[in-house]
Amino acid sequence: MKIRLCSNTTTGKWAAILTLLFIVLMSLKLSTLAMHIRLPLPTPFIAVIGVAGFIVGVVSIIKNKDRALLTLLSIPVGLLIIFWTIAEIAVPH
């Protein structure tokens, strides 16, 4: 079995795009550059993009047996978002 970096399937490409978009937007939002550049997107909306990438990635892995690295990246990123959200709801500060 050979693991590729980018997927050949459409759902795998969408999972990779959504996951990378989540990573880029959150890193822009949390960086020191955010003081000068204001993103008009709220953080929960960016998290929804990451969860959508997770769902599309799971569908691509189950349905198409996709094993591309960027598609597999959507799984831990999506799980991190989901667990973080559950923790914020369970133990608010």
C-alpha atoms as a PDB file:
ATOM      1  CA  MET A   1       0.000   0.000   0.000  1.00  0.00           C
ATOM      2  CA  LYS A   2       1.428   3.314  -1.079  1.00  0.00           C
ATOM      3  CA  ILE A   3       0.505   6.486   0.811  1.00  0.00           C
ATOM      4  CA  ARG A   4       0.252   9.613  -1.306  1.00  0.00           C
ATOM      5  CA  LEU A   5       0.355  13.202  -0.100  1.00  0.00           C
ATOM      6  CA  CYS A   6      -2.725  14.405  -1.993  1.00  0.00           C
ATOM      7  CA  SER A   7      -5.837  12.402  -2.753  1.00  0.00           C
ATOM      8  CA  ASN A   8      -7.146  11.493  -6.196  1.00  0.00           C
ATOM      9  CA  THR A   9     -10.789  11.414  -5.102  1.00  0.00           C
ATOM     10  CA  THR A  10     -13.013  14.479  -4.940  1.00  0.00           C
ATOM     11  CA  THR A  11     -14.078  13.882  -1.343  1.00  0.00           C
ATOM     12  CA  GLY A  12     -10.476  13.414  -0.272  1.00  0.00           C
ATOM     13  CA  LYS A  13      -9.495  16.687  -1.907  1.00  0.00           C
ATOM     14  CA  TRP A  14     -12.377  18.494  -0.179  1.00  0.00           C
ATOM     15  CA  ALA A  15     -11.363  17.029   3.182  1.00  0.00           C
ATOM     16  CA  ALA A  16      -7.787  18.209   2.671  1.00  0.00           C
ATOM     17  CA  ILE A  17      -8.878  21.681   1.522  1.00  0.00           C
ATOM     18  CA  LEU A  18     -11.256  22.188   4.454  1.00  0.00           C
ATOM     19  CA  THR A  19      -8.714  20.932   6.988  1.00  0.00           C
ATOM     20  CA  LEU A  20      -5.914  23.094   5.618  1.00  0.00           C
ATOM     21  CA  LEU A  21      -8.279  26.077   5.481  1.00  0.00           C
ATOM     22  CA  PHE A  22      -9.116  25.516   9.155  1.00  0.00           C
ATOM     23  CA  ILE A  23      -5.422  25.322  10.084  1.00  0.00           C
ATOM     24  CA  VAL A  24      -4.524  28.471   8.140  1.00  0.00           C
ATOM     25  CA  LEU A  25      -7.458  30.518   9.443  1.00  0.00           C
ATOM     26  CA  MET A  26      -6.896  29.504  13.068  1.00  0.00           C
ATOM     27  CA  SER A  27      -3.171  30.197  12.853  1.00  0.00           C
ATOM     28  CA  LEU A  28      -3.932  33.641  11.384  1.00  0.00           C
ATOM     29  CA  LYS A  29      -6.509  34.284  14.093  1.00  0.00           C
ATOM     30  CA  LEU A  30      -4.186  33.258  16.939  1.00  0.00           C
ATOM     31  CA  SER A  31      -0.956  34.798  15.679  1.00  0.00           C
ATOM     32  CA  THR A  32       0.464  38.169  16.637  1.00  0.00           C
ATOM     33  CA  LEU A  33      -0.375  39.289  13.121  1.00  0.00           C
ATOM     34  CA  ALA A  34      -4.041  39.170  14.175  1.00  0.00           C
ATOM     35  CA  MET A  35      -3.640  42.521  15.915  1.00  0.00           C
ATOM     36  CA  HIS A  36      -3.116  44.176  12.543  1.00  0.00           C
ATOM     37  CA  ILE A  37      -5.264  41.955  10.330  1.00  0.00           C
ATOM     38  CA  ARG A  38      -8.790  41.424  11.608  1.00  0.00           C
ATOM     39  CA  LEU A  39     -10.479  38.320  10.224  1.00  0.00           C
ATOM     40  CA  PRO A  40     -14.232  38.856   9.883  1.00  0.00           C
ATOM     41  CA  LEU A  41     -14.887  35.189  10.735  1.00  0.00           C
ATOM     42  CA  PRO A  42     -15.768  34.167  14.285  1.00  0.00           C
ATOM     43  CA  THR A  43     -13.900  31.227  15.779  1.00  0.00           C
ATOM     44  CA  PRO A  44     -16.961  28.903  15.969  1.00  0.00           C
ATOM     45  CA  PHE A  45     -17.484  29.326  12.216  1.00  0.00           C
ATOM     46  CA  ILE A  46     -13.859  28.369  11.593  1.00  0.00           C
ATOM     47  CA  ALA A  47     -14.351  25.329  13.853  1.00  0.00           C
ATOM     48  CA  VAL A  48     -17.361  24.282  11.757  1.00  0.00           C
ATOM     49  CA  ILE A  49     -15.093  24.324   8.697  1.00  0.00           C
ATOM     50  CA  GLY A  50     -12.705  21.957  10.507  1.00  0.00           C
ATOM     51  CA  VAL A  51     -15.514  19.606  11.571  1.00  0.00           C
ATOM     52  CA  ALA A  52     -16.852  19.585   7.999  1.00  0.00           C
ATOM     53  CA  GLY A  53     -13.376  18.548   6.831  1.00  0.00           C
ATOM     54  CA  PHE A  54     -13.426  15.767   9.432  1.00  0.00           C
ATOM     55  CA  ILE A  55     -16.810  14.466   8.256  1.00  0.00           C
ATOM     56  CA  VAL A  56     -15.845  14.575   4.580  1.00  0.00           C
ATOM     57  CA  GLY A  57     -12.542  12.875   5.435  1.00  0.00           C
ATOM     58  CA  VAL A  58     -14.278  10.036   7.281  1.00  0.00           C
ATOM     59  CA  VAL A  59     -16.657   9.565   4.346  1.00  0.00           C
ATOM     60  CA  SER A  60     -13.724   9.508   1.934  1.00  0.00           C
ATOM     61  CA  ILE A  61     -11.800   6.980   3.997  1.00  0.00           C
ATOM     62  CA  ILE A  62     -14.779   4.665   4.484  1.00  0.00           C
ATOM     63  CA  LYS A  63     -16.404   4.972   1.055  1.00  0.00           C
ATOM     64  CA  ASN A  64     -13.387   5.338  -1.238  1.00  0.00           C
ATOM     65  CA  LYS A  65     -10.715   3.619   0.900  1.00  0.00           C
ATOM     66  CA  ASP A  66      -8.693   6.817   0.566  1.00  0.00           C
ATOM     67  CA  ARG A  67      -5.295   6.699   2.285  1.00  0.00           C
ATOM     68  CA  ALA A  68      -3.777  10.041   1.254  1.00  0.00           C
ATOM     69  CA  LEU A  69      -1.812  11.824   3.965  1.00  0.00           C
ATOM     70  CA  LEU A  70      -3.788  15.078   3.794  1.00  0.00           C
ATOM     71  CA  THR A  71      -7.049  13.151   4.008  1.00  0.00           C
ATOM     72  CA  LEU A  72      -5.800  11.250   7.040  1.00  0.00           C
ATOM     73  CA  LEU A  73      -4.771  14.582   8.596  1.00  0.00           C
ATOM     74  CA  SER A  74      -8.416  15.609   8.726  1.00  0.00           C
ATOM     75  CA  ILE A  75      -9.185  12.892  11.305  1.00  0.00           C
ATOM     76  CA  PRO A  76      -6.964  14.031  14.228  1.00  0.00           C
ATOM     77  CA  VAL A  77      -7.678  17.704  13.522  1.00  0.00           C
ATOM     78  CA  GLY A  78     -11.433  17.082  13.529  1.00  0.00           C
ATOM     79  CA  LEU A  79     -11.253  14.972  16.682  1.00  0.00           C
ATOM     80  CA  LEU A  80      -9.274  17.720  18.402  1.00  0.00           C
ATOM     81  CA  ILE A  81     -11.975  20.262  17.523  1.00  0.00           C
ATOM     82  CA  ILE A  82     -14.766  17.967  18.713  1.00  0.00           C
ATOM     83  CA  PHE A  83     -13.035  17.095  22.005  1.00  0.00           C
ATOM     84  CA  TRP A  84     -12.176  20.755  22.615  1.00  0.00           C
ATOM     85  CA  THR A  85     -15.810  21.762  22.066  1.00  0.00           C
ATOM     86  CA  ILE A  86     -17.071  19.027  24.403  1.00  0.00           C
ATOM     87  CA  ALA A  87     -14.565  20.102  27.059  1.00  0.00           C
ATOM     88  CA  GLU A  88     -15.624  23.747  26.756  1.00  0.00           C
ATOM     89  CA  ILE A  89     -19.276  22.788  27.179  1.00  0.00           C
ATOM     90  CA  ALA A  90     -18.634  20.362  30.056  1.00  0.00           C
ATOM     91  CA  VAL A  91     -16.300  22.630  32.027  1.00  0.00           C
ATOM     92  CA  PRO A  92     -16.946  26.289  31.200  1.00  0.00           C
ATOM     93  CA  HIS A  93     -14.653  28.881  32.664  1.00  0.00           C
END
